[in-house]
Amino acid sequence: MYKYIYAIALLMCLNSNAQTIIEGNVKSLDNVIIPYCSIGIKDTKLGTITDENGNYKFKIPNNLDNKKIVFSSIGYYDKIISINELKANSIIVLEYKTTNLNEVVISSKKMSEKVIGQKTRPFLTFSKMFDKNVPTIEQGSSFPVYQQTRLKSYNYYIIPSSKFKKITLKLNIYSIKNNIPDKSLLEENIIYKTSSTGWQNIDLSKYKLVFNDLDRIAITLQLVDYEPLKNTEFIFGLSAKKTFSENLLFRYQSQGIWEQSEGSFISNLEISYSKNKDEKDITEEDNNISDNSDTKTLIEVYKNKENARKTDYGKRKDGKYIDLGNAKIYFEEYGKGNPLLLLHGNSGSISDFYQQIPFFSKHYRVIAIDTRGQGKSTDLTKEDYTYEEFANDLYKVIKYLNLEKMSIIGWSDGGNTGLIFNSEHPELVCKLITIGANLNPSGVNEKIINDFKKQISDNLTDNQRLTKLMLNQPDITSKQLSHINNPVLIIAGSNDVIKAEHTKSIQELIQDSEIEIIPNATHYVPFEQPKKLNELILKFLKK
């Protein structure tokens, strides 16, 4: 059963040399106004919204007549129409969206309660301002949530220097895909009005927002209306803090591209939740609130390295060496089936895959390799390392084992080696999975690069050749990537040291590729979220 609404637009085609101004009014068939309907042109900054009375005004440059306008409102299917069609017929029909609600299952036991996010305003903050003339702008942050979560309230901080009599804000909630907002999770508009600054509380309990099977959600705000103080310049902004993670979200209008920047809003989410038995608890660090997130990561890595050393992976009695003349490459084999090669990261070893080998060996012939000069593999050369050399070593191992076709999982440096090998020998690769790979050093977080430089200058590194490798390489070109014609899965953590835009560029340069950003993870996804990672890769390999 469908219900229709009409966007009854009163066109004022006030044509100048530069633009056309369209004024309209959005109503339902039974003459009920539709407030805060988003109107935008895809991948541009051009957009507007209807006000609380359903009225809008849209200025469109005349050189965009071939573009499409999207009318979008919660509870209705989007309506896409060309600008010329809108001029010819100002009546827009939106189809009511019928929602087949899946049963939301919440444990019958008493739910726990928690505040996720920044509970207090720190001493050092900065401001994110809103433009009173652009009501389409959305700004916000993302939050980790449990697999069974009910939202109770959202709290945020308006900077004390804001000056207004009253403002009207629209709150938006989205699911997350590849670390950016994806689909709206709302079935009705959430509007909040205030006349004060400082901490604000938006009660969400009355909206019955209960979510299953989500790892993270995004919450954004729009300034949709305002009333200024008399004879005073309007100012409105939210308080934020600096973090290394890119948790400041920005979008110019509903059909625009999401942008991310370093930092996080001073905000928090009050929830009720039921935690699964094997589900990790959410800590302040998980939401990038703590300044000690780097320390937390190091502790996590250390614990996993210790756990790996307690296994026999990387030191099996049946492990073998291949003599390449100037190096001996060590490898171990597990399981039966099609070959699946595992390539570890810089200064790593086979044992780093201690949570992947037992999983994948049930499905494949797993061949885990220690890279030259790392793990149990030796190296007699003195020259600087190159990923091309590592790729050539891999080729020799494959020829020694008489492998005709194989898939490869490469983590960090192993991913870089995998990309180069795949580009040089596309006929040998079935599928490639990279985790935290990069095309060149510019794709790595500047803080990490500076740390590497300091390690070199202060002689603090155990293996300068391996550190120099990360500072100076790789140098993988788009031409090289164009040689890859097999399916490739590009994986990174949401808080990876590899820049998000760099990871996306790798995916865009490989023809048959897809990208997955793992929420609440760093560069050490195989350590931090092995179950999710393993299942994601297996699904890709089985396609």
Protein backbone atom coordinates (compact mmCIF):
# COMPACT_ATOMS: atom_id res chain seq x y z
CA MET A 1 0.00 0.00 0.00
CA TYR A 2 1.45 3.29 -1.06
CA LYS A 3 0.72 6.84 -0.18
CA TYR A 4 1.74 9.70 -2.42
CA ILE A 5 2.70 13.24 -1.66
CA TYR A 6 3.02 16.08 -4.03
CA ALA A 7 5.78 18.59 -4.02
CA ILE A 8 3.65 21.41 -5.35
CA ALA A 9 6.24 23.81 -6.60
CA LEU A 10 5.39 27.36 -7.47
CA LEU A 11 8.07 28.04 -10.04
CA MET A 12 9.45 31.49 -10.19
CA CYS A 13 11.84 31.20 -13.09
CA LEU A 14 13.61 34.43 -12.40
CA ASN A 15 16.13 33.92 -15.16
CA SER A 16 19.21 36.05 -15.07
CA ASN A 17 22.37 35.46 -17.05
CA ALA A 18 23.70 33.29 -14.24
CA GLN A 19 20.92 31.35 -12.54
CA THR A 20 17.33 30.28 -12.25
CA ILE A 21 15.52 30.69 -8.93
CA ILE A 22 12.88 28.07 -8.18
CA GLU A 23 10.51 28.70 -5.29
CA GLY A 24 8.14 26.01 -4.15
CA ASN A 25 6.09 24.41 -1.46
CA VAL A 26 6.10 20.70 -0.58
CA LYS A 27 2.83 19.21 0.61
CA SER A 28 1.13 15.84 0.83
CA LEU A 29 -1.86 14.92 -1.32
CA ASP A 30 -4.19 15.80 1.55
CA ASN A 31 -2.53 19.22 1.80
CA VAL A 32 -0.31 18.46 4.79
CA ILE A 33 3.02 20.28 4.59
CA ILE A 34 6.29 18.34 4.39
CA PRO A 35 8.90 20.22 6.47
CA TYR A 36 12.68 19.79 6.13
CA CYS A 37 12.58 17.86 2.85
CA SER A 38 16.12 17.73 1.42
CA ILE A 39 16.63 18.96 -2.16
CA GLY A 40 20.01 18.62 -3.85
CA ILE A 41 22.05 18.04 -6.98
CA LYS A 42 24.33 14.98 -6.70
CA ASP A 43 28.08 15.51 -6.13
CA THR A 44 27.76 19.31 -5.99
CA LYS A 45 27.41 21.84 -3.18
CA LEU A 46 24.02 22.90 -4.51
CA GLY A 47 21.07 22.09 -2.32
CA THR A 48 18.35 23.42 -0.07
CA ILE A 49 15.64 22.21 2.28
CA THR A 50 12.02 23.07 2.89
CA ASP A 51 11.35 25.12 6.01
CA GLU A 52 8.91 24.18 8.76
CA ASN A 53 6.06 25.38 6.53
CA GLY A 54 7.15 23.26 3.58
CA ASN A 55 8.49 26.22 1.55
CA TYR A 56 11.81 26.31 -0.27
CA LYS A 57 13.88 28.49 -2.56
CA PHE A 58 16.51 26.95 -4.83
CA LYS A 59 19.05 28.93 -6.87
CA ILE A 60 20.45 26.87 -9.75
CA PRO A 61 23.16 28.04 -12.19
CA ASN A 62 21.93 27.92 -15.77
CA ASN A 63 24.90 25.80 -16.89
CA LEU A 64 23.55 22.87 -14.84
CA ASP A 65 20.35 22.36 -16.84
CA ASN A 66 21.42 18.81 -17.67
CA LYS A 67 21.75 17.82 -14.01
CA LYS A 68 19.20 15.96 -11.89
CA ILE A 69 17.57 17.25 -8.71
CA VAL A 70 16.87 14.80 -5.89
CA PHE A 71 13.95 15.37 -3.49
CA SER A 72 14.53 13.31 -0.34
CA SER A 73 12.42 13.07 2.81
CA ILE A 74 12.38 10.54 5.63
CA GLY A 75 9.59 8.02 5.02
CA TYR A 76 9.46 8.52 1.24
CA TYR A 77 11.33 7.20 -1.77
CA ASP A 78 13.66 9.71 -3.38
CA LYS A 79 12.31 11.52 -6.42
CA ILE A 80 14.84 12.31 -9.14
CA ILE A 81 13.92 14.85 -11.79
CA SER A 82 15.84 16.98 -14.26
CA ILE A 83 15.94 20.73 -13.87
CA ASN A 84 14.23 21.17 -17.23
CA GLU A 85 11.48 18.73 -16.19
CA LEU A 86 10.98 20.71 -13.01
CA LYS A 87 10.60 23.90 -15.02
CA ALA A 88 8.07 22.24 -17.30
CA ASN A 89 6.07 20.57 -14.56
CA SER A 90 6.42 21.88 -11.02
CA ILE A 91 4.38 19.12 -9.37
CA ILE A 92 6.63 16.50 -7.79
CA VAL A 93 5.18 13.16 -6.67
CA LEU A 94 6.98 11.29 -3.93
CA GLU A 95 6.06 7.68 -3.19
CA TYR A 96 5.55 6.71 0.42
CA LYS A 97 8.13 4.16 1.55
CA THR A 98 6.61 1.09 3.15
CA THR A 99 9.04 -0.37 5.66
CA ASN A 100 9.13 -4.08 6.30
CA LEU A 101 10.49 -3.95 9.80
CA ASN A 102 12.61 -6.90 10.81
CA GLU A 103 11.82 -8.10 14.28
CA VAL A 104 14.17 -6.38 16.69
CA VAL A 105 15.28 -8.94 19.23
CA ILE A 106 16.49 -7.59 22.56
CA SER A 107 17.50 -9.92 25.34
CA SER A 108 14.85 -10.38 28.00
CA LYS A 109 17.42 -9.84 30.70
CA LYS A 110 17.85 -6.37 32.14
CA MET A 111 19.79 -4.14 29.78
CA SER A 112 22.92 -2.36 30.92
CA GLU A 113 23.40 1.37 30.47
CA LYS A 114 26.42 3.34 29.30
CA VAL A 115 27.51 6.74 28.06
CA ILE A 116 29.64 6.48 24.92
CA GLY A 117 31.73 9.49 23.99
CA GLN A 118 33.09 12.63 25.60
CA LYS A 119 31.42 13.16 28.98
CA THR A 120 33.18 16.43 29.87
CA ARG A 121 34.53 19.37 27.92
CA PRO A 122 38.35 19.24 27.96
CA PHE A 123 40.50 22.30 28.44
CA LEU A 124 41.83 22.34 24.86
CA THR A 125 39.08 22.49 22.25
CA PHE A 126 38.33 24.15 18.93
CA SER A 127 35.09 25.23 17.27
CA LYS A 128 33.23 23.93 14.22
CA MET A 129 31.00 26.71 12.95
CA PHE A 130 27.69 26.54 11.05
CA ASP A 131 26.71 28.87 8.21
CA LYS A 132 23.26 30.36 8.82
CA ASN A 133 22.77 30.68 5.05
CA VAL A 134 23.38 27.01 4.29
CA PRO A 135 20.79 24.89 6.14
CA THR A 136 21.83 21.78 4.19
CA ILE A 137 25.22 21.45 5.92
CA GLU A 138 25.56 18.42 8.22
CA GLN A 139 28.31 18.02 10.81
CA GLY A 140 28.82 15.27 13.35
CA SER A 141 30.79 12.24 14.52
CA SER A 142 30.43 8.47 14.65
CA PHE A 143 30.05 6.27 17.74
CA PRO A 144 30.68 2.57 18.39
CA VAL A 145 27.59 0.67 19.53
CA TYR A 146 26.80 -2.84 20.72
CA GLN A 147 25.10 -5.47 18.58
CA GLN A 148 21.91 -4.84 20.58
CA THR A 149 21.54 -1.14 21.37
CA ARG A 150 18.73 1.24 22.31
CA LEU A 151 19.43 4.98 22.06
CA LYS A 152 18.31 7.06 25.04
CA SER A 153 19.73 10.52 24.40
CA TYR A 154 22.34 12.51 22.49
CA ASN A 155 24.37 15.22 24.23
CA TYR A 156 26.60 17.83 22.60
CA TYR A 157 28.23 21.15 23.46
CA ILE A 158 27.39 24.54 21.89
CA ILE A 159 30.31 26.96 22.20
CA PRO A 160 29.63 29.71 24.79
CA SER A 161 30.53 32.46 22.28
CA SER A 162 27.52 31.52 20.14
CA LYS A 163 25.01 34.36 19.77
CA PHE A 164 21.38 33.65 18.88
CA LYS A 165 17.89 34.04 20.28
CA LYS A 166 16.79 30.58 19.16
CA ILE A 167 18.02 27.88 16.79
CA THR A 168 16.30 24.86 15.25
CA LEU A 169 18.43 21.79 14.60
CA LYS A 170 17.66 18.60 12.70
CA LEU A 171 19.34 15.45 14.03
CA ASN A 172 20.28 12.68 11.58
CA ILE A 173 21.38 9.11 12.36
CA TYR A 174 23.09 6.85 9.82
CA SER A 175 24.56 3.39 9.58
CA ILE A 176 28.26 3.29 8.69
CA LYS A 177 29.85 1.72 5.62
CA ASN A 178 33.56 2.05 4.85
CA ASN A 179 33.88 4.50 7.74
CA ILE A 180 31.41 7.10 6.37
CA PRO A 181 27.65 7.54 6.86
CA ASP A 182 25.58 5.27 4.63
CA LYS A 183 21.81 4.85 5.14
CA SER A 184 19.46 6.82 7.36
CA LEU A 185 18.23 4.86 10.39
CA LEU A 186 15.31 7.20 11.10
CA GLU A 187 11.64 6.85 10.24
CA GLU A 188 10.69 10.39 11.25
CA ASN A 189 12.38 13.77 11.61
CA ILE A 190 14.03 14.61 14.94
CA ILE A 191 13.89 18.37 15.49
CA TYR A 192 15.47 20.15 18.47
CA LYS A 193 15.10 23.81 19.43
CA THR A 194 17.18 25.68 21.99
CA SER A 195 17.92 29.18 23.23
CA SER A 196 20.95 28.27 25.36
CA THR A 197 24.63 27.43 24.91
CA GLY A 198 26.79 24.81 26.66
CA TRP A 199 25.69 21.20 27.08
CA GLN A 200 22.49 20.23 25.25
CA ASN A 201 20.41 17.07 25.66
CA ILE A 202 18.21 15.60 22.91
CA ASP A 203 15.86 12.96 24.29
CA LEU A 204 15.80 10.01 21.86
CA SER A 205 13.84 7.56 24.02
CA LYS A 206 10.46 8.54 22.55
CA TYR A 207 11.62 7.59 19.04
CA LYS A 208 12.21 3.93 20.03
CA LEU A 209 15.55 3.72 18.24
CA VAL A 210 16.60 0.11 18.72
CA PHE A 211 19.34 -1.36 16.50
CA ASN A 212 20.66 -4.87 15.98
CA ASP A 213 23.92 -5.97 14.33
CA LEU A 214 25.53 -2.56 13.93
CA ASP A 215 29.12 -1.82 14.96
CA ARG A 216 28.99 1.94 14.61
CA ILE A 217 26.53 4.73 13.84
CA ALA A 218 26.93 8.37 12.78
CA ILE A 219 25.03 11.27 14.31
CA THR A 220 24.97 14.65 12.56
CA LEU A 221 23.26 18.00 13.11
CA GLN A 222 21.86 20.58 10.68
CA LEU A 223 21.04 24.19 11.42
CA VAL A 224 17.66 24.34 9.66
CA ASP A 225 16.33 27.59 11.15
CA TYR A 226 17.39 30.38 13.48
CA GLU A 227 16.20 33.55 15.17
CA PRO A 228 18.99 36.13 15.73
CA LEU A 229 19.38 38.46 18.65
CA LYS A 230 18.42 42.04 17.92
CA ASN A 231 21.31 44.12 16.53
CA THR A 232 23.74 41.22 17.07
CA GLU A 233 25.64 39.16 14.50
CA PHE A 234 24.46 35.54 14.48
CA ILE A 235 27.08 33.01 15.66
CA PHE A 236 26.58 29.27 16.15
CA GLY A 237 29.21 26.57 16.56
CA LEU A 238 29.89 23.24 18.25
CA SER A 239 32.86 22.36 20.40
CA ALA A 240 35.35 19.73 19.18
CA LYS A 241 38.72 18.30 20.20
CA LYS A 242 41.78 17.21 18.26
CA THR A 243 42.39 13.49 17.73
CA PHE A 244 44.57 11.56 15.29
CA SER A 245 41.53 9.70 14.00
CA GLU A 246 39.29 11.30 11.37
CA ASN A 247 36.00 11.40 13.26
CA LEU A 248 34.74 14.83 12.19
CA LEU A 249 32.10 14.30 9.51
CA PHE A 250 30.93 17.02 7.12
CA ARG A 251 28.55 17.10 4.16
CA TYR A 252 27.47 20.20 2.29
CA GLN A 253 24.07 18.85 1.24
CA SER A 254 22.13 15.57 1.16
CA GLN A 255 23.46 14.56 -2.29
CA GLY A 256 27.02 15.72 -1.61
CA ILE A 257 30.13 13.74 -0.75
CA TRP A 258 31.00 13.10 2.90
CA GLU A 259 34.28 14.59 4.09
CA GLN A 260 36.34 13.44 7.09
CA SER A 261 38.91 15.34 9.12
CA GLU A 262 40.96 14.75 12.25
CA GLY A 263 39.14 15.39 15.51
CA SER A 264 35.88 14.54 17.25
CA PHE A 265 32.94 16.60 18.49
CA ILE A 266 32.47 17.07 22.23
CA SER A 267 29.41 14.85 22.35
CA ASN A 268 28.17 11.60 23.82
CA LEU A 269 25.45 9.03 23.40
CA GLU A 270 23.45 7.55 26.27
CA ILE A 271 22.41 3.98 25.49
CA SER A 272 20.92 0.81 26.90
CA TYR A 273 22.48 -2.36 25.59
CA SER A 274 22.72 -6.11 25.83
CA LYS A 275 26.21 -7.51 25.19
CA ASN A 276 26.81 -10.84 23.47
CA LYS A 277 29.09 -13.33 25.18
CA ASP A 278 31.98 -12.90 22.73
CA GLU A 279 31.42 -9.18 22.15
CA LYS A 280 34.16 -6.78 23.22
CA ASP A 281 33.28 -4.04 25.67
CA ILE A 282 33.27 -0.47 24.35
CA THR A 283 35.83 1.74 26.06
CA GLU A 284 36.52 5.45 25.77
CA GLU A 285 39.50 4.69 23.56
CA ASP A 286 37.24 2.84 21.09
CA ASN A 287 35.46 6.10 20.40
CA ASN A 288 38.75 7.99 19.96
CA ILE A 289 38.07 10.02 23.10
CA SER A 290 41.23 9.18 24.98
CA ASP A 291 44.51 10.85 24.17
CA ASN A 292 46.16 7.51 25.00
CA SER A 293 44.81 5.62 21.97
CA ASP A 294 48.35 5.10 20.64
CA THR A 295 49.35 3.54 23.95
CA LYS A 296 46.30 1.30 23.89
CA THR A 297 47.19 0.11 20.39
CA LEU A 298 50.78 -0.65 21.42
CA ILE A 299 49.54 -2.66 24.41
CA GLU A 300 47.15 -4.57 22.14
CA VAL A 301 49.95 -5.34 19.67
CA TYR A 302 52.29 -6.45 22.47
CA LYS A 303 49.66 -8.80 23.90
CA ASN A 304 49.01 -10.34 20.51
CA LYS A 305 52.72 -10.74 19.80
CA GLU A 306 53.06 -12.56 23.12
CA ASN A 307 50.08 -14.79 22.34
CA ALA A 308 51.57 -15.54 18.91
CA ARG A 309 54.91 -16.57 20.45
CA LYS A 310 53.12 -19.11 22.65
CA THR A 311 51.95 -20.97 19.53
CA ASP A 312 54.12 -23.13 17.27
CA TYR A 313 53.31 -21.06 14.20
CA GLY A 314 56.57 -19.90 12.63
CA LYS A 315 58.65 -22.55 14.38
CA ARG A 316 57.15 -25.84 13.28
CA LYS A 317 59.49 -28.83 12.98
CA ASP A 318 58.11 -29.51 9.50
CA GLY A 319 58.83 -25.95 8.31
CA LYS A 320 61.03 -25.70 5.22
CA TYR A 321 63.62 -23.40 3.63
CA ILE A 322 64.13 -22.47 -0.01
CA ASP A 323 67.70 -21.45 -0.83
CA LEU A 324 67.77 -18.44 -3.17
CA GLY A 325 71.54 -18.00 -3.03
CA ASN A 326 71.67 -14.68 -1.24
CA ALA A 327 68.82 -15.61 1.15
CA LYS A 328 66.97 -18.58 2.59
CA ILE A 329 63.20 -18.14 2.67
CA TYR A 330 61.34 -20.02 5.41
CA PHE A 331 57.73 -21.19 4.96
CA GLU A 332 55.14 -23.45 6.59
CA GLU A 333 52.15 -25.26 5.11
CA TYR A 334 48.77 -26.07 6.64
CA GLY A 335 45.59 -27.68 5.32
CA LYS A 336 44.57 -28.87 1.87
CA GLY A 337 42.90 -27.32 -1.16
CA ASN A 338 43.64 -24.36 -3.40
CA PRO A 339 46.82 -22.48 -2.41
CA LEU A 340 46.43 -19.41 -0.17
CA LEU A 341 49.64 -17.48 0.57
CA LEU A 342 50.05 -15.33 3.71
CA LEU A 343 52.51 -12.40 3.64
CA HIS A 344 53.20 -10.61 6.95
CA GLY A 345 54.07 -6.97 7.65
CA ASN A 346 57.31 -5.10 8.32
CA SER A 347 59.45 -6.71 11.09
CA GLY A 348 56.82 -9.43 11.43
CA SER A 349 56.74 -13.18 10.93
CA ILE A 350 54.47 -16.13 10.18
CA SER A 351 53.26 -16.16 13.79
CA ASP A 352 51.51 -12.81 13.27
CA PHE A 353 48.83 -14.83 11.47
CA TYR A 354 48.21 -17.05 14.51
CA GLN A 355 44.49 -16.18 14.42
CA GLN A 356 44.18 -16.65 10.64
CA ILE A 357 46.11 -19.89 9.94
CA PRO A 358 43.79 -22.25 11.90
CA PHE A 359 40.73 -20.65 10.29
CA PHE A 360 41.82 -20.65 6.65
CA SER A 361 43.58 -24.05 6.79
CA LYS A 362 40.12 -25.62 7.12
CA HIS A 363 39.34 -24.37 3.60
CA TYR A 364 42.66 -23.96 1.76
CA ARG A 365 46.26 -25.10 1.48
CA VAL A 366 47.73 -22.26 3.53
CA ILE A 367 51.35 -21.37 2.77
CA ALA A 368 52.72 -18.86 5.30
CA ILE A 369 56.03 -17.23 4.37
CA ASP A 370 58.66 -15.33 6.38
CA THR A 371 59.88 -12.40 4.26
CA ARG A 372 63.61 -12.04 3.55
CA GLY A 373 65.55 -10.98 6.67
CA GLN A 374 62.51 -11.41 8.94
CA GLY A 375 61.19 -14.27 11.06
CA LYS A 376 63.34 -17.32 10.31
CA SER A 377 64.24 -16.20 6.77
CA THR A 378 67.85 -15.12 6.29
CA ASP A 379 69.45 -12.45 4.10
CA LEU A 380 73.07 -12.10 2.99
CA THR A 381 72.69 -8.83 1.06
CA LYS A 382 73.67 -5.38 2.36
CA GLU A 383 71.74 -3.16 -0.06
CA ASP A 384 68.53 -1.36 0.86
CA TYR A 385 65.43 -3.55 0.77
CA THR A 386 62.85 -3.10 -1.98
CA TYR A 387 59.33 -4.47 -2.33
CA GLU A 388 60.29 -5.52 -5.86
CA GLU A 389 62.95 -7.79 -4.31
CA PHE A 390 60.36 -9.26 -1.93
CA ALA A 391 58.00 -9.84 -4.88
CA ASN A 392 60.80 -11.57 -6.80
CA ASP A 393 61.47 -13.81 -3.77
CA LEU A 394 57.78 -14.69 -3.74
CA TYR A 395 57.89 -15.61 -7.42
CA LYS A 396 60.82 -17.97 -6.79
CA VAL A 397 58.99 -19.63 -3.88
CA ILE A 398 55.91 -20.15 -6.05
CA LYS A 399 58.00 -21.68 -8.84
CA TYR A 400 59.77 -23.95 -6.35
CA LEU A 401 56.38 -25.18 -5.10
CA ASN A 402 55.11 -25.63 -8.70
CA LEU A 403 52.02 -23.51 -8.03
CA GLU A 404 50.02 -22.61 -11.12
CA LYS A 405 47.44 -20.32 -9.48
CA MET A 406 47.03 -19.01 -5.97
CA SER A 407 45.32 -16.37 -3.84
CA ILE A 408 47.30 -14.03 -1.60
CA ILE A 409 46.57 -12.29 1.71
CA GLY A 410 49.10 -9.50 2.35
CA TRP A 411 49.13 -7.45 5.55
CA SER A 412 50.87 -4.03 5.50
CA ASP A 413 54.25 -4.61 3.78
CA GLY A 414 52.86 -7.96 2.66
CA GLY A 415 50.03 -6.10 0.94
CA ASN A 416 52.51 -3.85 -0.86
CA THR A 417 54.46 -6.91 -2.00
CA GLY A 418 51.22 -8.54 -3.08
CA LEU A 419 50.23 -5.56 -5.24
CA ILE A 420 53.62 -5.50 -6.98
CA PHE A 421 53.67 -9.28 -7.49
CA ASN A 422 50.11 -9.24 -8.82
CA SER A 423 50.94 -6.47 -11.31
CA GLU A 424 54.04 -8.35 -12.53
CA HIS A 425 52.44 -11.82 -12.66
CA PRO A 426 48.67 -11.39 -13.14
CA GLU A 427 48.44 -14.84 -14.71
CA LEU A 428 49.41 -16.48 -11.40
CA VAL A 429 46.90 -14.77 -9.08
CA CYS A 430 43.30 -15.86 -8.50
CA LYS A 431 42.46 -13.23 -5.88
CA LEU A 432 44.42 -10.71 -3.83
CA ILE A 433 43.52 -9.35 -0.39
CA THR A 434 45.50 -6.43 1.02
CA ILE A 435 45.26 -5.20 4.62
CA GLY A 436 46.67 -1.73 5.32
CA ALA A 437 48.65 -1.47 2.06
CA ASN A 438 49.95 1.77 0.53
CA LEU A 439 51.20 2.87 -2.88
CA ASN A 440 53.85 5.27 -1.57
CA PRO A 441 55.00 6.84 1.74
CA SER A 442 52.68 9.84 1.27
CA GLY A 443 49.79 7.51 2.07
CA VAL A 444 51.05 7.02 5.64
CA ASN A 445 50.06 9.27 8.55
CA GLU A 446 52.68 12.06 8.88
CA LYS A 447 53.15 11.37 12.59
CA ILE A 448 54.24 7.82 11.83
CA ILE A 449 56.60 8.99 9.10
CA ASN A 450 58.17 11.51 11.49
CA ASP A 451 58.56 8.78 14.10
CA PHE A 452 60.39 6.61 11.54
CA LYS A 453 62.70 9.51 10.66
CA LYS A 454 63.52 10.08 14.33
CA GLN A 455 64.25 6.36 14.79
CA ILE A 456 66.75 6.57 11.93
CA SER A 457 68.40 9.83 13.05
CA ASP A 458 68.65 8.73 16.69
CA ASN A 459 69.68 5.18 15.77
CA LEU A 460 66.74 3.78 17.74
CA THR A 461 65.72 1.06 15.29
CA ASP A 462 66.91 -2.55 15.39
CA ASN A 463 66.87 -2.81 11.60
CA GLN A 464 67.47 0.45 9.76
CA ARG A 465 66.98 -1.23 6.38
CA LEU A 466 63.40 -2.19 7.25
CA THR A 467 62.63 1.28 8.62
CA LYS A 468 64.15 2.97 5.54
CA LEU A 469 62.00 0.70 3.39
CA MET A 470 58.85 2.27 4.85
CA LEU A 471 60.27 5.79 4.55
CA ASN A 472 61.32 5.53 0.92
CA GLN A 473 58.99 2.96 -0.59
CA PRO A 474 56.86 1.64 -2.19
CA ASP A 475 56.43 3.54 -5.43
CA ILE A 476 53.54 1.71 -7.06
CA THR A 477 52.12 3.51 -10.11
CA SER A 478 48.65 3.54 -11.60
CA LYS A 479 50.15 1.89 -14.70
CA GLN A 480 51.32 -1.04 -12.59
CA LEU A 481 47.89 -1.41 -11.01
CA SER A 482 46.24 -1.39 -14.45
CA HIS A 483 47.90 -4.78 -15.10
CA ILE A 484 45.86 -6.36 -12.30
CA ASN A 485 42.74 -7.97 -13.78
CA ASN A 486 41.75 -10.42 -11.03
CA PRO A 487 39.43 -9.58 -8.10
CA VAL A 488 41.10 -7.60 -5.29
CA LEU A 489 39.77 -6.82 -1.80
CA ILE A 490 41.26 -3.69 -0.20
CA ILE A 491 40.95 -3.70 3.62
CA ALA A 492 41.96 -1.10 6.22
CA GLY A 493 41.04 -0.17 9.77
CA SER A 494 38.88 2.89 10.44
CA ASN A 495 41.81 4.32 12.47
CA ASP A 496 44.55 2.97 10.24
CA VAL A 497 47.91 4.71 9.88
CA ILE A 498 47.25 4.49 6.14
CA LYS A 499 45.22 7.56 5.22
CA ALA A 500 41.60 6.84 4.33
CA GLU A 501 41.75 8.73 1.03
CA HIS A 502 44.88 6.78 0.08
CA THR A 503 43.15 3.45 0.68
CA LYS A 504 40.21 4.61 -1.44
CA SER A 505 42.55 5.65 -4.25
CA ILE A 506 44.03 2.12 -4.39
CA GLN A 507 40.55 0.69 -4.86
CA GLU A 508 39.71 3.24 -7.54
CA LEU A 509 42.87 2.40 -9.52
CA ILE A 510 42.25 -1.37 -9.65
CA GLN A 511 39.58 -2.39 -12.12
CA ASP A 512 37.96 -5.38 -10.37
CA SER A 513 38.29 -4.35 -6.74
CA GLU A 514 36.22 -3.62 -3.66
CA ILE A 515 36.97 -1.89 -0.39
CA GLU A 516 36.12 -2.67 3.24
CA ILE A 517 36.92 -0.37 6.16
CA ILE A 518 36.76 -2.24 9.49
CA PRO A 519 35.15 -0.09 12.23
CA ASN A 520 36.94 0.35 15.56
CA ALA A 521 40.21 -1.00 14.15
CA THR A 522 43.71 0.32 13.47
CA HIS A 523 46.51 -0.97 11.24
CA TYR A 524 46.41 -4.20 13.26
CA VAL A 525 43.06 -5.59 12.10
CA PRO A 526 44.26 -9.25 12.12
CA PHE A 527 45.06 -8.84 15.83
CA GLU A 528 42.10 -6.67 16.84
CA GLN A 529 39.19 -8.17 14.91
CA PRO A 530 40.25 -11.60 13.64
CA LYS A 531 36.77 -13.13 13.50
CA LYS A 532 35.26 -10.34 11.43
CA LEU A 533 38.32 -10.15 9.19
CA ASN A 534 38.50 -13.91 8.59
CA GLU A 535 34.82 -14.19 7.71
CA LEU A 536 35.02 -11.15 5.42
CA ILE A 537 37.98 -12.58 3.52
CA LEU A 538 36.48 -16.07 3.29
CA LYS A 539 33.28 -14.66 1.81
CA PHE A 540 35.35 -12.80 -0.79
CA LEU A 541 37.42 -15.89 -1.64
CA LYS A 542 34.32 -18.07 -1.98
CA LYS A 543 32.59 -15.72 -4.47
